[in-house]
Amino acid sequence: MKTFFLLFFIFPVIATAETPQIPCENLFDPIIKVLKNNSAEAFSNYFADAVEFDIFGENKIYSKLQAEQVVKTFFTRKSIKQIIMKHCSGKDYLKYAVAEITDTEDLLYRATIFVRIESDGNAVIQEVRLEKEE
């Protein structure tokens, strides 16, 4: 019974206590900034070892290097003119942001970026969703 108590009640408290408390906006500001610059290389610096991309309903998991190529391809086809963070939220160790992206052709997209906070305070992108706005 003691083991059960330790595993299900104390361990989650300890795991949460070790995660640095980072305000959501502070976490996503640098990520949004590199997206505004259309820099696939800088954006990929935030990627986890495996990144899930859901682009216009097509869902795939890529390695960090493959994910960078996906972003480079996107930026060669669609250059970002404006990006506005609309919302961000989440738990101490897992956060997400919703952004509105306008490309140079004035097409509108909704991007959702999910990040995991490492024990050292660094954020790594685990998932990116991109949808066309009607």
Protein backbone atom coordinates (compact mmCIF):
# COMPACT_ATOMS: atom_id res chain seq x y z
CA MET A 1 0.00 0.00 0.00
CA LYS A 2 2.90 2.36 0.73
CA THR A 3 4.30 1.78 -2.75
CA PHE A 4 0.93 2.59 -4.29
CA PHE A 5 0.77 5.84 -2.31
CA LEU A 6 4.29 6.85 -3.34
CA LEU A 7 3.76 6.12 -7.02
CA PHE A 8 0.42 7.79 -7.50
CA PHE A 9 0.48 10.70 -5.07
CA ILE A 10 4.01 11.77 -4.25
CA PHE A 11 5.85 11.09 -7.52
CA PRO A 12 3.68 13.43 -9.64
CA VAL A 13 4.19 16.20 -7.09
CA ILE A 14 7.97 15.74 -7.22
CA ALA A 15 8.01 15.60 -11.04
CA THR A 16 5.96 18.80 -11.28
CA ALA A 17 8.10 20.56 -8.68
CA GLU A 18 11.24 19.95 -10.77
CA THR A 19 9.79 21.56 -13.89
CA PRO A 20 10.75 25.24 -14.19
CA GLN A 21 7.86 27.72 -14.14
CA ILE A 22 8.04 29.66 -17.42
CA PRO A 23 5.33 32.15 -18.41
CA CYS A 24 3.65 31.07 -21.61
CA GLU A 25 4.32 34.27 -23.53
CA ASN A 26 8.03 34.24 -22.63
CA LEU A 27 8.26 30.68 -23.87
CA PHE A 28 6.69 31.27 -27.29
CA ASP A 29 8.02 34.77 -28.08
CA PRO A 30 11.39 33.52 -29.43
CA ILE A 31 9.67 30.76 -31.42
CA ILE A 32 7.24 33.25 -32.99
CA LYS A 33 10.16 35.58 -33.76
CA VAL A 34 12.05 32.94 -35.80
CA LEU A 35 8.85 32.08 -37.66
CA LYS A 36 8.41 35.77 -38.58
CA ASN A 37 11.91 35.64 -40.05
CA ASN A 38 11.00 32.58 -42.18
CA SER A 39 14.03 30.78 -40.72
CA ALA A 40 13.58 27.02 -40.93
CA GLU A 41 17.01 26.43 -39.41
CA ALA A 42 16.34 28.63 -36.37
CA PHE A 43 12.84 27.14 -35.97
CA SER A 44 14.25 23.60 -36.08
CA ASN A 45 16.58 24.43 -33.17
CA TYR A 46 13.47 24.13 -30.99
CA PHE A 47 12.45 20.69 -32.34
CA ALA A 48 12.41 17.54 -30.22
CA ASP A 49 14.18 14.48 -31.65
CA ALA A 50 10.86 13.47 -33.22
CA VAL A 51 8.28 16.04 -34.29
CA GLU A 52 4.69 15.42 -35.32
CA PHE A 53 3.41 17.59 -38.15
CA ASP A 54 -0.26 17.85 -39.06
CA ILE A 55 -0.27 20.02 -42.16
CA PHE A 56 -3.65 20.55 -43.76
CA GLY A 57 -4.90 17.24 -42.33
CA GLU A 58 -1.87 15.15 -43.33
CA ASN A 59 -0.33 13.79 -40.14
CA LYS A 60 3.25 12.44 -40.03
CA ILE A 61 6.07 12.08 -37.54
CA TYR A 62 9.53 13.23 -38.63
CA SER A 63 13.02 13.19 -37.21
CA LYS A 64 14.45 16.58 -36.32
CA LEU A 65 16.38 16.78 -39.62
CA GLN A 66 13.38 15.68 -41.72
CA ALA A 67 11.15 18.19 -39.91
CA GLU A 68 13.57 20.98 -40.78
CA GLN A 69 13.28 20.01 -44.46
CA VAL A 70 9.46 20.08 -44.22
CA VAL A 71 9.62 23.61 -42.81
CA LYS A 72 12.15 24.72 -45.46
CA THR A 73 9.82 23.41 -48.17
CA PHE A 74 6.89 25.25 -46.63
CA PHE A 75 8.86 28.52 -46.44
CA THR A 76 9.92 28.25 -50.10
CA ARG A 77 6.26 27.90 -51.09
CA LYS A 78 4.70 30.23 -48.53
CA SER A 79 6.60 33.09 -46.99
CA ILE A 80 5.20 34.41 -43.70
CA LYS A 81 4.23 38.07 -43.81
CA GLN A 82 2.64 38.31 -40.35
CA ILE A 83 2.18 36.05 -37.36
CA ILE A 84 0.12 36.91 -34.30
CA MET A 85 -0.08 34.75 -31.19
CA LYS A 86 -3.77 34.49 -30.33
CA HIS A 87 -3.63 32.19 -27.30
CA CYS A 88 -1.23 30.17 -25.21
CA SER A 89 -1.84 27.90 -22.26
CA GLY A 90 -0.95 24.55 -20.76
CA LYS A 91 0.61 22.91 -17.76
CA ASP A 92 4.04 23.65 -16.32
CA TYR A 93 5.70 20.91 -18.39
CA LEU A 94 3.55 21.01 -21.56
CA LYS A 95 2.29 24.17 -23.25
CA TYR A 96 0.71 25.15 -26.54
CA ALA A 97 0.21 28.31 -28.55
CA VAL A 98 -2.29 29.16 -31.24
CA ALA A 99 -1.11 31.66 -33.82
CA GLU A 100 -2.66 33.30 -36.83
CA ILE A 101 -0.35 33.37 -39.84
CA THR A 102 -0.73 35.49 -42.96
CA ASP A 103 1.48 34.65 -45.92
CA THR A 104 2.68 37.00 -48.66
CA GLU A 105 -0.34 36.05 -50.78
CA ASP A 106 -2.61 37.19 -47.92
CA LEU A 107 -3.81 33.64 -47.23
CA LEU A 108 -4.67 33.01 -43.59
CA TYR A 109 -3.59 29.97 -41.54
CA ARG A 110 -4.01 28.80 -37.97
CA ALA A 111 -0.93 27.22 -36.40
CA THR A 112 -0.92 25.32 -33.13
CA ILE A 113 2.48 24.58 -31.60
CA PHE A 114 2.88 22.14 -28.70
CA VAL A 115 6.06 22.27 -26.62
CA ARG A 116 7.43 20.18 -23.78
CA ILE A 117 9.50 21.88 -21.08
CA GLU A 118 12.66 19.96 -20.26
CA SER A 119 14.02 19.78 -16.71
CA ASP A 120 16.71 22.33 -17.68
CA GLY A 121 14.00 24.84 -18.69
CA ASN A 122 14.48 24.48 -22.45
CA ALA A 123 11.38 24.13 -24.60
CA VAL A 124 11.24 21.55 -27.37
CA ILE A 125 8.54 21.46 -30.02
CA GLN A 126 6.75 18.14 -30.12
CA GLU A 127 3.92 18.91 -32.52
CA VAL A 128 2.95 21.50 -35.10
CA ARG A 129 -0.52 21.74 -36.64
CA LEU A 130 -1.27 23.97 -39.58
CA GLU A 131 -4.76 24.60 -40.97
CA LYS A 132 -6.08 26.96 -43.65
CA GLU A 133 -8.57 29.50 -42.37
CA GLU A 134 -11.65 30.04 -44.49
